[in-house]
Protein backbone atom coordinates (compact mmCIF):
# COMPACT_ATOMS: atom_id res chain seq x y z
CA UNK A 1 3.38 53.00 -21.96
CA UNK A 2 1.19 52.99 -25.09
CA UNK A 3 3.07 50.00 -26.53
CA UNK A 4 2.85 48.14 -23.21
CA UNK A 5 -0.98 48.46 -23.15
CA UNK A 6 -1.31 47.08 -26.71
CA UNK A 7 1.06 44.17 -25.99
CA UNK A 8 -0.95 43.36 -22.86
CA UNK A 9 -4.23 43.31 -24.86
CA UNK A 10 -2.76 40.95 -27.48
CA UNK A 11 -1.48 38.65 -24.73
CA UNK A 12 -4.94 38.45 -23.15
CA UNK A 13 -6.58 37.56 -26.51
CA UNK A 14 -3.91 34.89 -27.13
CA UNK A 15 -4.47 33.38 -23.68
CA UNK A 16 -8.28 33.29 -24.15
CA UNK A 17 -7.81 31.60 -27.51
CA UNK A 18 -5.71 28.85 -25.94
CA UNK A 19 -8.37 28.32 -23.28
CA UNK A 20 -11.20 28.05 -25.81
CA UNK A 21 -9.18 25.62 -27.89
CA UNK A 22 -8.15 23.27 -25.08
CA UNK A 23 -10.73 23.68 -22.31
CA UNK A 24 -12.88 20.70 -23.33
CA UNK A 25 -10.11 18.19 -24.05
CA UNK A 26 -10.13 16.51 -20.69
CA UNK A 27 -13.40 17.57 -19.06
CA UNK A 28 -14.48 15.28 -16.25
CA UNK A 29 -17.06 15.12 -13.49
CA UNK A 30 -16.16 13.84 -10.01
CA UNK A 31 -18.05 13.41 -6.75
CA UNK A 32 -16.71 13.23 -3.18
CA UNK A 33 -17.94 13.50 0.40
CA UNK A 34 -16.33 15.21 3.38
CA UNK A 35 -16.69 12.04 5.46
CA UNK A 36 -17.65 8.40 4.87
CA UNK A 37 -18.87 7.91 8.44
CA UNK A 38 -21.51 10.08 10.09
CA UNK A 39 -23.74 9.85 13.15
CA UNK A 40 -27.52 9.74 12.88
CA UNK A 41 -29.03 13.23 12.69
CA UNK A 42 -25.83 14.85 11.40
CA UNK A 43 -25.16 16.01 7.86
CA UNK A 44 -22.68 15.04 5.14
CA UNK A 45 -21.51 17.37 2.36
CA UNK A 46 -21.52 15.95 -1.19
CA UNK A 47 -19.21 17.88 -3.54
CA UNK A 48 -19.61 17.56 -7.32
CA UNK A 49 -16.91 19.08 -9.51
CA UNK A 50 -16.90 19.58 -13.30
CA UNK A 51 -13.96 20.76 -15.39
CA UNK A 52 -16.19 21.38 -18.44
CA UNK A 53 -16.65 25.15 -18.45
CA UNK A 54 -19.07 24.97 -21.42
CA UNK A 55 -21.54 22.77 -19.53
CA UNK A 56 -24.39 24.96 -18.23
CA UNK A 57 -26.41 22.07 -16.74
CA UNK A 58 -26.99 21.44 -13.03
CA UNK A 59 -26.77 18.00 -11.39
CA UNK A 60 -29.96 15.95 -11.32
CA UNK A 61 -30.48 15.51 -7.56
CA UNK A 62 -33.84 13.71 -7.69
CA UNK A 63 -32.09 10.35 -7.18
CA UNK A 64 -31.10 11.48 -3.67
CA UNK A 65 -34.67 11.90 -2.39
CA UNK A 66 -35.03 8.21 -1.46
CA UNK A 67 -32.39 8.12 1.32
CA UNK A 68 -31.52 11.77 2.00
CA UNK A 69 -32.99 15.12 2.87
CA UNK A 70 -31.35 17.88 0.80
CA UNK A 71 -30.76 20.63 3.37
CA UNK A 72 -29.12 23.10 0.99
CA UNK A 73 -27.04 23.55 -2.15
CA UNK A 74 -24.33 25.97 -3.16
CA UNK A 75 -22.68 26.52 -6.55
CA UNK A 76 -19.37 28.23 -7.28
CA UNK A 77 -16.73 28.55 -10.02
CA UNK A 78 -13.01 28.49 -9.21
CA UNK A 79 -10.39 29.56 -11.77
CA UNK A 80 -6.70 28.90 -11.09
CA UNK A 81 -3.49 29.57 -13.02
CA UNK A 82 -0.63 27.51 -11.58
CA UNK A 83 2.74 26.79 -13.26
CA UNK A 84 1.45 27.99 -16.60
CA UNK A 85 -1.66 25.80 -16.48
CA UNK A 86 -5.18 27.25 -16.37
CA UNK A 87 -7.98 25.32 -14.65
CA UNK A 88 -11.67 26.19 -14.40
CA UNK A 89 -13.76 24.07 -12.05
CA UNK A 90 -17.48 24.38 -11.39
CA UNK A 91 -18.34 23.05 -7.92
CA UNK A 92 -21.64 22.15 -6.29
CA UNK A 93 -21.79 21.59 -2.49
CA UNK A 94 -24.92 19.70 -1.44
CA UNK A 95 -25.72 19.30 2.29
CA UNK A 96 -27.37 15.90 2.86
CA UNK A 97 -29.06 14.51 5.98
CA UNK A 98 -29.48 10.68 5.89
CA UNK A 99 -32.99 9.33 6.54
CA UNK A 100 -31.85 6.06 8.11
CA UNK A 101 -28.87 4.36 9.77
CA UNK A 102 -26.65 1.69 8.22
CA UNK A 103 -24.75 1.59 4.94
CA UNK A 104 -26.22 4.02 2.40
CA UNK A 105 -25.20 4.43 -1.22
CA UNK A 106 -25.13 7.89 -2.74
CA UNK A 107 -26.15 6.88 -6.29
CA UNK A 108 -24.58 8.06 -9.54
CA UNK A 109 -25.70 11.60 -10.42
CA UNK A 110 -26.12 12.83 -13.99
CA UNK A 111 -24.56 16.13 -15.07
CA UNK A 112 -25.28 16.62 -18.75
CA UNK A 113 -23.72 13.69 -20.61
CA UNK A 114 -21.42 12.79 -17.72
CA UNK A 115 -22.15 10.73 -14.62
CA UNK A 116 -20.53 10.58 -11.19
CA UNK A 117 -19.53 7.36 -9.44
CA UNK A 118 -21.63 5.95 -6.55
CA UNK A 119 -20.28 6.59 -3.04
CA UNK A 120 -20.93 4.45 0.05
CA UNK A 121 -21.26 6.07 3.50
CA UNK A 122 -21.90 4.58 6.94
CA UNK A 123 -24.58 6.15 9.14
CA UNK A 124 -24.17 5.18 12.81
CA UNK A 125 -26.67 5.33 15.64
CA UNK A 126 -26.69 8.62 17.59
CA UNK A 127 -25.09 7.05 20.68
CA UNK A 128 -22.16 5.34 18.92
CA UNK A 129 -18.63 6.67 18.64
CA UNK A 130 -16.60 6.44 15.44
CA UNK A 131 -12.79 6.78 15.58
CA UNK A 132 -13.11 9.04 18.66
CA UNK A 133 -12.77 8.52 22.38
CA UNK A 134 -15.59 9.45 24.74
CA UNK A 135 -14.13 12.85 25.58
CA UNK A 136 -14.17 14.12 22.02
CA UNK A 137 -17.89 14.99 22.00
CA UNK A 138 -18.40 15.86 25.66
CA UNK A 139 -18.87 19.54 26.43
CA UNK A 140 -19.06 20.51 30.10
CA UNK A 141 -21.58 23.01 31.36
CA UNK A 142 -20.23 26.56 31.14
CA UNK A 143 -17.83 25.77 28.27
CA UNK A 144 -20.28 26.67 25.54
CA UNK A 145 -20.34 30.11 23.91
CA UNK A 146 -20.67 31.63 20.47
CA UNK A 147 -17.32 30.08 19.47
CA UNK A 148 -15.14 27.52 21.26
CA UNK A 149 -12.56 24.83 20.48
CA UNK A 150 -12.42 21.19 21.63
CA UNK A 151 -9.47 18.85 21.07
CA UNK A 152 -8.98 15.13 21.72
CA UNK A 153 -6.59 12.26 21.03
CA UNK A 154 -7.39 8.60 20.38
CA UNK A 155 -4.52 7.24 22.50
CA UNK A 156 -2.92 8.68 25.66
CA UNK A 157 -0.24 5.94 25.81
CA UNK A 158 1.11 5.53 22.26
CA UNK A 159 4.33 3.85 21.20
CA UNK A 160 7.26 5.93 19.97
CA UNK A 161 6.94 6.69 16.22
CA UNK A 162 3.36 5.39 16.19
CA UNK A 163 0.39 7.51 15.19
CA UNK A 164 -1.63 9.62 17.62
CA UNK A 165 -4.90 10.81 16.10
CA UNK A 166 -5.37 14.47 17.17
CA UNK A 167 -8.85 15.84 16.47
CA UNK A 168 -9.72 19.56 16.52
CA UNK A 169 -13.31 20.75 16.50
CA UNK A 170 -14.35 24.38 16.13
CA UNK A 171 -17.92 25.03 17.35
CA UNK A 172 -19.68 28.20 16.22
CA UNK A 173 -23.30 29.22 16.77
CA UNK A 174 -22.85 32.22 14.47
CA UNK A 175 -21.57 32.32 10.84
CA UNK A 176 -17.81 32.78 10.59
CA UNK A 177 -16.86 35.49 8.10
CA UNK A 178 -13.11 34.78 8.23
CA UNK A 179 -10.51 33.17 10.46
CA UNK A 180 -7.58 30.79 10.74
CA UNK A 181 -6.74 27.74 12.88
CA UNK A 182 -3.01 27.39 13.44
CA UNK A 183 -1.77 23.76 13.47
CA UNK A 184 -0.08 22.47 16.64
CA UNK A 185 3.65 23.13 16.92
CA UNK A 186 5.40 20.27 18.77
CA UNK A 187 9.10 19.57 19.07
CA UNK A 188 10.21 15.91 18.92
CA UNK A 189 7.18 14.97 16.81
CA UNK A 190 6.16 14.79 13.15
CA UNK A 191 2.71 16.19 12.31
CA UNK A 192 0.66 15.35 9.19
CA UNK A 193 -2.77 16.75 8.31
CA UNK A 194 -5.33 14.02 7.47
CA UNK A 195 -7.69 14.58 4.54
CA UNK A 196 -10.07 17.53 4.12
CA UNK A 197 -11.96 19.32 6.84
CA UNK A 198 -15.26 17.77 7.94
CA UNK A 199 -18.30 20.01 8.51
CA UNK A 200 -21.48 19.04 10.32
CA UNK A 201 -24.07 20.37 12.76
CA UNK A 202 -24.39 19.54 16.46
CA UNK A 203 -27.05 20.25 19.08
CA UNK A 204 -25.63 21.06 22.53
CA UNK A 205 -28.15 21.75 25.30
CA UNK A 206 -30.75 22.85 22.78
CA UNK A 207 -28.38 25.20 20.92
CA UNK A 208 -27.30 24.44 17.34
CA UNK A 209 -23.64 24.75 16.35
CA UNK A 210 -21.88 24.51 13.02
CA UNK A 211 -18.82 22.33 13.60
CA UNK A 212 -15.58 22.25 11.61
CA UNK A 213 -13.49 19.17 12.33
CA UNK A 214 -9.79 19.00 11.37
CA UNK A 215 -7.65 15.90 11.96
CA UNK A 216 -3.91 15.56 12.41
CA UNK A 217 -1.63 12.53 12.81
CA UNK A 218 1.10 13.12 15.37
CA UNK A 219 4.13 10.78 15.40
CA UNK A 220 6.23 11.16 18.62
CA UNK A 221 9.94 10.71 17.97
CA UNK A 222 11.06 9.91 21.52
CA UNK A 223 9.57 8.23 24.57
CA UNK A 224 8.39 10.01 27.71
CA UNK A 225 5.87 12.72 28.43
CA UNK A 226 4.72 14.72 25.39
CA UNK A 227 2.79 17.97 25.79
CA UNK A 228 0.49 19.02 22.94
CA UNK A 229 0.11 22.80 23.41
CA UNK A 230 -3.19 24.64 22.92
CA UNK A 231 -4.16 25.67 19.43
CA UNK A 232 -5.63 29.08 18.63
CA UNK A 233 -8.49 30.25 16.43
CA UNK A 234 -8.50 33.92 15.50
CA UNK A 235 -11.17 35.36 13.26
CA UNK A 236 -14.43 37.24 12.88
CA UNK A 237 -18.03 36.06 13.33
CA UNK A 238 -21.34 37.64 12.41
CA UNK A 239 -22.93 39.13 15.54
CA UNK A 240 -26.66 38.49 15.15
CA UNK A 241 -27.32 40.13 18.54
CA UNK A 242 -26.61 43.54 17.02
CA UNK A 243 -29.71 44.51 15.06
CA UNK A 244 -29.57 46.86 12.09
CA UNK A 245 -32.63 48.78 10.83
CA UNK A 246 -31.71 48.29 7.18
CA UNK A 247 -31.15 44.55 7.67
CA UNK A 248 -34.45 44.19 9.57
CA UNK A 249 -36.21 45.89 6.64
CA UNK A 250 -34.74 43.31 4.21
CA UNK A 251 -35.73 40.41 6.49
CA UNK A 252 -39.30 41.61 6.91
CA UNK A 253 -39.71 42.05 3.16
CA UNK A 254 -38.69 38.44 2.55
CA UNK A 255 -35.43 39.05 0.69
CA UNK A 256 -33.41 37.29 3.41
CA UNK A 257 -34.74 33.91 4.40
CA UNK A 258 -32.67 32.22 7.14
CA UNK A 259 -29.69 32.82 9.37
CA UNK A 260 -27.53 30.73 7.03
CA UNK A 261 -27.14 33.80 4.83
CA UNK A 262 -25.50 37.08 5.80
CA UNK A 263 -26.02 40.56 4.38
CA UNK A 264 -23.60 43.44 3.79
CA UNK A 265 -25.27 45.13 6.78
CA UNK A 266 -24.42 42.38 9.29
CA UNK A 267 -22.16 43.39 12.19
CA UNK A 268 -19.04 41.34 12.85
CA UNK A 269 -16.92 40.93 15.95
CA UNK A 270 -13.39 39.59 16.39
CA UNK A 271 -12.86 36.45 18.42
CA UNK A 272 -9.74 34.77 19.80
CA UNK A 273 -10.21 31.35 21.45
CA UNK A 274 -7.78 28.70 22.64
CA UNK A 275 -8.14 24.98 23.20
CA UNK A 276 -6.90 22.97 26.17
CA UNK A 277 -3.46 21.39 26.16
CA UNK A 278 -3.16 17.59 26.21
CA UNK A 279 -0.43 15.46 27.82
CA UNK A 280 0.35 11.96 26.56
CA UNK A 281 2.79 9.32 27.77
CA UNK A 282 4.90 7.93 24.90
CA UNK A 283 6.03 4.33 25.40
CA UNK A 284 9.35 3.07 24.11
CA UNK A 285 9.86 0.17 21.72
CA UNK A 286 8.82 -3.08 23.49
CA UNK A 287 11.58 -5.53 24.26
CA UNK A 288 9.69 -8.35 22.48
CA UNK A 289 9.58 -6.31 19.26
CA UNK A 290 12.18 -7.96 17.04
CA UNK A 291 12.99 -7.49 13.38
CA UNK A 292 14.99 -5.25 11.10
CA UNK A 293 12.48 -2.39 11.24
CA UNK A 294 10.26 -0.83 13.94
CA UNK A 295 6.86 -0.49 12.28
CA UNK A 296 4.00 0.13 14.77
CA UNK A 297 0.76 0.05 12.78
CA UNK A 298 -2.87 -1.08 12.81
CA UNK A 299 -2.35 -3.14 9.66
CA UNK A 300 0.45 -3.72 7.14
CA UNK A 301 0.34 -5.61 3.85
CA UNK A 302 2.59 -6.22 0.83
CA UNK A 303 1.57 -7.06 -2.75
CA UNK A 304 3.07 -7.11 -6.23
CA UNK A 305 2.16 -6.74 -9.92
CA UNK A 306 4.05 -7.84 -13.03
CA UNK A 307 4.25 -5.92 -16.32
CA UNK A 308 3.96 -7.72 -18.66
CA UNK A 309 2.77 -11.12 -17.42
CA UNK A 310 5.50 -13.59 -16.39
CA UNK A 311 3.82 -16.43 -18.28
CA UNK A 312 5.53 -15.71 -21.63
CA UNK A 313 8.86 -14.25 -20.60
CA UNK A 314 11.92 -14.89 -22.80
CA UNK A 315 15.66 -14.61 -22.37
CA UNK A 316 16.97 -11.00 -22.33
CA UNK A 317 13.47 -9.55 -22.33
CA UNK A 318 12.80 -7.10 -19.50
CA UNK A 319 9.96 -7.50 -17.06
CA UNK A 320 8.95 -5.03 -14.34
CA UNK A 321 8.07 -6.12 -10.79
CA UNK A 322 6.00 -3.50 -8.92
CA UNK A 323 6.05 -4.08 -5.14
CA UNK A 324 3.54 -2.15 -3.02
CA UNK A 325 3.52 -1.81 0.80
CA UNK A 326 0.47 -0.36 2.53
CA UNK A 327 0.35 0.48 6.27
CA UNK A 328 -2.61 1.78 8.27
CA UNK A 329 -1.20 4.17 10.89
CA UNK A 330 2.21 4.93 9.32
CA UNK A 331 3.41 7.43 6.74
CA UNK A 332 4.82 6.29 3.42
CA UNK A 333 8.23 7.67 4.44
CA UNK A 334 8.34 5.30 7.44
CA UNK A 335 7.97 2.16 5.31
CA UNK A 336 11.10 0.16 4.42
CA UNK A 337 12.77 0.12 1.02
CA UNK A 338 12.65 -3.26 -0.75
CA UNK A 339 15.72 -4.54 -2.60
CA UNK A 340 16.12 -7.70 -4.69
CA UNK A 341 19.53 -9.32 -5.14
CA UNK A 342 20.84 -10.51 -8.48
CA UNK A 343 21.14 -14.21 -9.30
CA UNK A 344 23.37 -16.05 -11.72
CA UNK A 345 20.53 -16.32 -14.25
CA UNK A 346 18.93 -12.88 -13.81
CA UNK A 347 19.98 -9.23 -13.84
CA UNK A 348 18.29 -6.78 -11.47
CA UNK A 349 18.01 -3.02 -12.09
CA UNK A 350 16.47 -1.11 -9.14
CA UNK A 351 13.83 1.40 -10.14
CA UNK A 352 12.30 4.45 -8.52
CA UNK A 353 10.64 4.31 -5.10
CA UNK A 354 7.63 6.54 -4.40
CA UNK A 355 5.83 7.08 -1.12
CA UNK A 356 2.52 8.82 -0.42
CA UNK A 357 0.03 9.43 2.39
CA UNK A 358 -3.71 8.80 2.05
CA UNK A 359 -6.63 9.19 4.43
CA UNK A 360 -7.53 5.82 6.02
CA UNK A 361 -10.03 4.51 8.54
CA UNK A 362 -7.65 5.05 11.46
CA UNK A 363 -5.91 8.20 10.21
CA UNK A 364 -2.88 8.17 7.91
CA UNK A 365 -2.61 5.39 5.33
CA UNK A 366 1.01 5.19 4.14
CA UNK A 367 1.84 3.70 0.74
CA UNK A 368 5.30 2.81 -0.67
CA UNK A 369 5.72 1.59 -4.27
CA UNK A 370 8.95 0.26 -5.72
CA UNK A 371 9.52 -0.81 -9.36
CA UNK A 372 12.33 -3.26 -10.17
CA UNK A 373 13.37 -4.31 -13.70
CA UNK A 374 14.41 -7.96 -14.08
CA UNK A 375 16.16 -9.38 -17.16
CA UNK A 376 16.73 -13.17 -17.29
CA UNK A 377 20.02 -14.18 -18.96
CA UNK A 378 19.37 -17.95 -19.27
CA UNK A 379 16.38 -20.12 -20.05
CA UNK A 380 14.79 -22.41 -17.50
CA UNK A 381 13.07 -22.00 -14.16
CA UNK A 382 13.85 -18.97 -12.03
CA UNK A 383 12.81 -18.74 -8.35
CA UNK A 384 12.57 -15.41 -6.55
CA UNK A 385 12.69 -15.76 -2.73
CA UNK A 386 9.85 -14.60 -0.49
CA UNK A 387 9.90 -11.17 1.15
CA UNK A 388 9.06 -10.85 4.86
CA UNK A 389 8.37 -7.58 6.68
CA UNK A 390 8.02 -7.86 10.49
CA UNK A 391 5.78 -5.22 12.07
CA UNK A 392 4.22 -4.45 15.45
CA UNK A 393 0.42 -4.67 15.75
CA UNK A 394 -0.53 -1.84 18.12
CA UNK A 395 -4.00 -3.36 18.68
CA UNK A 396 -2.92 -6.87 19.70
CA UNK A 397 0.49 -5.68 21.05
CA UNK A 398 2.45 -8.42 19.32
CA UNK A 399 4.75 -8.94 16.35
CA UNK A 400 3.33 -10.00 12.98
CA UNK A 401 4.77 -10.50 9.49
CA UNK A 402 3.63 -9.34 6.08
CA UNK A 403 4.78 -11.96 3.56
CA UNK A 404 5.14 -11.78 -0.21
CA UNK A 405 5.39 -15.45 -1.28
CA UNK A 406 8.25 -16.74 -3.42
CA UNK A 407 7.71 -16.55 -7.17
CA UNK A 408 8.56 -19.14 -9.84
CA UNK A 409 8.46 -18.59 -13.59
CA UNK A 410 9.80 -20.35 -16.67
CA UNK A 411 12.08 -18.46 -19.09
CA UNK A 412 11.88 -19.52 -22.74
CA UNK A 413 14.63 -19.39 -25.35
CA UNK A 414 18.37 -19.89 -24.93
CA UNK A 415 21.33 -17.72 -24.07
CA UNK A 416 23.08 -18.67 -27.34
CA UNK A 417 20.27 -17.13 -29.44
CA UNK A 418 20.11 -14.01 -27.31
CA UNK A 419 22.25 -10.93 -27.66
CA UNK A 420 24.37 -9.43 -24.96
CA UNK A 421 22.28 -8.39 -21.96
CA UNK A 422 24.19 -5.28 -21.03
CA UNK A 423 23.83 -3.79 -24.50
CA UNK A 424 20.04 -4.25 -24.36
CA UNK A 425 19.47 -2.53 -21.01
CA UNK A 426 19.12 1.01 -22.45
CA UNK A 427 16.41 -0.23 -24.85
CA UNK A 428 13.98 -0.86 -21.98
CA UNK A 429 12.08 1.87 -20.15
CA UNK A 430 10.95 1.12 -16.60
CA UNK A 431 7.21 1.42 -16.03
CA UNK A 432 7.35 3.55 -12.91
CA UNK A 433 4.68 5.67 -11.36
CA UNK A 434 4.42 8.72 -13.67
CA UNK A 435 5.10 12.30 -12.76
CA UNK A 436 2.03 14.39 -12.05
CA UNK A 437 0.19 15.42 -15.21
CA UNK A 438 1.94 12.97 -17.54
CA UNK A 439 1.18 9.42 -18.56
CA UNK A 440 3.97 6.89 -19.18
CA UNK A 441 3.39 3.76 -21.21
CA UNK A 442 4.67 0.23 -20.60
CA UNK A 443 7.97 -1.35 -21.67
CA UNK A 444 9.20 -0.15 -25.06
CA UNK A 445 11.85 -1.94 -27.11
CA UNK A 446 14.56 -0.21 -29.13
CA UNK A 447 14.56 2.97 -27.04
CA UNK A 448 11.83 4.58 -29.24
CA UNK A 449 8.64 5.97 -27.64
CA UNK A 450 5.46 5.47 -29.63
CA UNK A 451 3.68 8.81 -29.39
CA UNK A 452 0.22 9.03 -30.91
CA UNK A 453 -1.38 12.12 -32.37
CA UNK A 454 -2.87 13.14 -29.05
CA UNK A 455 0.59 13.08 -27.47
CA UNK A 456 2.04 15.40 -30.14
CA UNK A 457 -0.93 17.72 -29.73
CA UNK A 458 -0.36 17.94 -25.93
CA UNK A 459 3.34 18.67 -26.44
CA UNK A 460 2.52 21.53 -28.84
CA UNK A 461 0.03 22.98 -26.36
CA UNK A 462 2.55 22.73 -23.51
CA UNK A 463 5.27 24.44 -25.57
CA UNK A 464 2.84 27.20 -26.57
CA UNK A 465 1.78 27.78 -22.98
CA UNK A 466 5.43 27.85 -21.80
CA UNK A 467 6.30 30.56 -24.33
CA UNK A 468 3.15 32.45 -23.43
CA UNK A 469 4.03 32.30 -19.72
CA UNK A 470 7.51 33.64 -20.44
CA UNK A 471 5.93 36.44 -22.44
CA UNK A 472 3.54 37.30 -19.61
CA UNK A 473 6.39 37.14 -17.12
CA UNK A 474 8.32 39.69 -19.18
CA UNK A 475 5.32 42.01 -19.28
CA UNK A 476 4.75 41.76 -15.56
CA UNK A 477 8.46 42.32 -14.92
CA UNK A 478 8.39 45.54 -16.95
CA UNK A 479 5.27 46.68 -15.14
CA UNK A 480 6.78 45.72 -11.78
CA UNK A 481 9.92 47.77 -12.39
CA UNK A 482 7.76 50.73 -13.39
CA UNK A 483 5.69 50.52 -10.22
CA UNK A 484 8.79 50.06 -8.04
CA UNK A 485 10.43 53.16 -9.45
CA UNK A 486 7.19 55.06 -8.95
CA UNK A 487 6.88 53.89 -5.37
CA UNK A 488 10.43 54.92 -4.53
CA UNK A 489 9.49 58.53 -5.21
CA UNK A 490 6.94 58.54 -2.38
CA UNK A 491 8.19 60.09 0.83
CA UNK A 492 5.95 58.04 3.12
CA UNK A 493 5.23 54.34 2.95
CA UNK A 494 2.25 52.94 4.86
CA UNK A 495 4.07 49.64 5.48
CA UNK A 496 7.27 51.29 6.79
CA UNK A 497 8.48 51.19 10.37
CA UNK A 498 7.93 54.94 10.66
CA UNK A 499 4.19 54.27 10.33
CA UNK A 500 4.38 52.15 13.50
CA UNK A 501 6.03 55.02 15.39
CA UNK A 502 3.32 57.42 14.20
CA UNK A 503 0.59 54.97 15.26
CA UNK A 504 2.25 54.73 18.70
CA UNK A 505 1.60 58.46 19.27
CA UNK A 506 -2.15 57.97 18.78
CA UNK A 507 -2.31 55.75 21.92
CA UNK A 508 -4.82 53.43 20.19
CA UNK A 509 -4.12 49.66 20.53
CA UNK A 510 -6.08 48.69 17.39
CA UNK A 511 -4.34 51.35 15.22
CA UNK A 512 -0.94 50.17 16.54
CA UNK A 513 -1.75 46.49 15.85
CA UNK A 514 -2.95 47.24 12.30
CA UNK A 515 0.16 49.27 11.50
CA UNK A 516 2.41 46.42 12.76
CA UNK A 517 0.51 43.92 10.58
CA UNK A 518 0.91 46.18 7.51
CA UNK A 519 4.61 46.52 8.24
CA UNK A 520 4.96 42.71 8.58
CA UNK A 521 3.47 42.23 5.10
CA UNK A 522 6.18 44.50 3.73
CA UNK A 523 8.95 42.79 5.76
CA UNK A 524 7.86 39.22 4.86
CA UNK A 525 6.48 39.82 1.37
CA UNK A 526 6.57 36.19 0.23
CA UNK A 527 4.94 34.74 3.36
CA UNK A 528 3.32 37.47 5.52
CA UNK A 529 2.14 36.49 9.04
CA UNK A 530 -1.57 35.79 9.43
CA UNK A 531 -1.75 37.25 12.94
CA UNK A 532 0.25 39.58 15.13
CA UNK A 533 1.23 36.95 17.72
CA UNK A 534 3.23 34.95 15.16
CA UNK A 535 5.54 37.93 14.48
CA UNK A 536 7.34 37.39 17.79
CA UNK A 537 7.85 33.69 16.99
CA UNK A 538 9.33 34.52 13.58
CA UNK A 539 11.78 36.95 15.12
CA UNK A 540 12.59 34.39 17.88
CA UNK A 541 12.15 36.90 20.69
CA UNK A 542 10.21 35.77 23.80
CA UNK A 543 10.00 39.31 25.16
CA UNK A 544 8.48 40.50 21.90
CA UNK A 545 5.94 37.63 21.96
CA UNK A 546 4.87 38.70 25.44
CA UNK A 547 4.43 42.34 24.38
CA UNK A 548 2.44 41.40 21.26
CA UNK A 549 0.11 39.18 23.29
CA UNK A 550 -0.37 42.07 25.73
CA UNK A 551 -1.26 44.36 22.80
CA UNK A 552 -3.74 41.76 21.48
CA UNK A 553 -5.40 41.42 24.90
CA UNK A 554 -5.74 45.19 25.29
CA UNK A 555 -7.95 45.36 22.19
CA UNK A 556 -10.57 43.08 23.75
CA UNK A 557 -10.21 44.44 27.29
CA UNK A 558 -12.54 47.01 28.85
CA UNK A 559 -12.19 50.69 28.04
CA UNK A 560 -10.38 51.47 31.30
CA UNK A 561 -7.37 49.31 30.30
CA UNK A 562 -4.76 51.26 28.30
CA UNK A 563 -1.67 49.91 26.57
CA UNK A 564 0.92 52.50 25.54
CA UNK A 565 3.27 50.32 23.46
CA UNK A 566 6.51 52.20 24.05
CA UNK A 567 8.25 49.07 25.27
CA UNK A 568 6.80 47.04 22.38
CA UNK A 569 8.34 49.31 19.72
CA UNK A 570 11.64 49.29 21.57
CA UNK A 571 11.75 45.48 21.75
CA UNK A 572 10.65 45.20 18.09
CA UNK A 573 13.57 47.37 16.96
CA UNK A 574 15.97 45.22 18.95
CA UNK A 575 14.55 41.98 17.51
CA UNK A 576 14.79 43.37 13.95
CA UNK A 577 18.46 44.24 14.43
CA UNK A 578 19.20 40.67 15.57
CA UNK A 579 17.15 39.18 12.71
CA UNK A 580 18.95 41.21 10.02
CA UNK A 581 22.32 40.29 11.45
CA UNK A 582 21.36 36.59 11.48
CA UNK A 583 20.15 36.73 7.85
CA UNK A 584 23.59 37.91 6.69
CA UNK A 585 25.18 34.75 8.09
CA UNK A 586 22.55 32.03 7.73
CA UNK A 587 20.52 31.14 4.69
CA UNK A 588 16.77 30.98 5.43
CA UNK A 589 15.31 27.52 6.03
CA UNK A 590 11.88 26.91 4.40
CA UNK A 591 8.94 26.72 6.84
CA UNK A 592 7.99 23.13 7.74
CA UNK A 593 4.30 24.00 7.83
CA UNK A 594 3.67 27.02 5.56
CA UNK A 595 0.36 28.84 6.06
CA UNK A 596 -2.16 29.01 3.24
CA UNK A 597 -2.72 32.54 2.13
């Protein structure tokens, strides 16, 4: 044990030395906003991030006074260690209220020697609607409370495999201390989250609410009626109605200024709210929609880039053609794969295709990029045919075509002076989109990569960190084995099933629920459930789901209602027996939508 402690201390000093040596190599300052479109009177959050941990300066916000009211600022530091890489980010969140409507530029902001980029936002009049239908902001009388959910869609009659914009808004008049919104679970549909959450304030009947907006893109996979089930928010809010003498003393003395800040003495209460369900009618593919692919979108375009330029191309010299397809309202995976056929005077080597999803004006913005290497084998003029992609415009309800025009270029030199094409293929590296965290150069002849001093330095750092991570892993493995052996000697485990049976005898619903949650963390160690209701879904037992929901309701019911839980424990044992038997035969399938822990 003595040796383990000393080795652990040396490892910490080594890790800190690496951080001090490499923390300032690639420091950068970035700025972003939670939304580029906001209604008059609402707020927008400007986030400034700096990766320079040695910079103690704060952003100069005086340039914002012309067009914005600064409603509040918040600073935080986030340290992460992922896949052997340490990151330290200092983050400032600035709440801005625009002073006028129209297009407003958030100017560049200085942070020490660095400067952010300007950002353009659109401020709309209070009565206008942006990317939402009329029902998204309406709240009927009697629906309001401390916390409630509202959901809406932008289209009740979408086409099959087209995007449905599903918007979730969580309204809260009290600060939320913790909670989780579960995404919708729909069969026969693909669901993608769009961008980051949007936060703003809203005034409903004279009462102010903090609003969290989350957007999803739903892609129905078959025609007919599609039911979007209710979503659930479960969490805790600060209950300002419960006064506390100690807290009142702090408020009266001036230490606590506004309701935007909470104290350790604030009372909290649990809340569980559900949204309404929504039914939509999915239309099939129209009969007039012709073409090789079915691509329902708001807009679709195709473009290309050449590396290097095709003006000075010679025989047997490789050139890379990068073809990019962008579609507003489709995912990158839905876009077609482009292929180019060989000709008698040119060799074609297909490259790597990459697809990605971005946040666009209408929801998902799908991007597909394909790189193709071309090597001309004879001199003279070469003509590449045009590329046509038919797609369905869901706004105009008609077919359109995205066209990449034909390309002509002149190849210099002669085939007699050139060497064999096939033998030269390995000496060219395709300029594809690089893997995350690495930069790849252009076309290199002779199969030799020109690495500069900075490249060698990065490789040394990576190797050092890899060995360090292996060393840390060994230490943690030794410590883990020690703790496991120690834990096995204990006669009673809080997370065991026996603890549930003991809690059952207390006839207390809250104690029983907490013991089941602790047991679930032990049963699903890698991905523990976030709430008790999801345990029944994981064990695929409808009767268990019903009992768990009954237990959850009993906690918030009046004191006269009692839930004994005998049937719950009986059904849970039965579901566990079925689950263990199934695990012996079937390998677990990874969750399609894993929860963030």
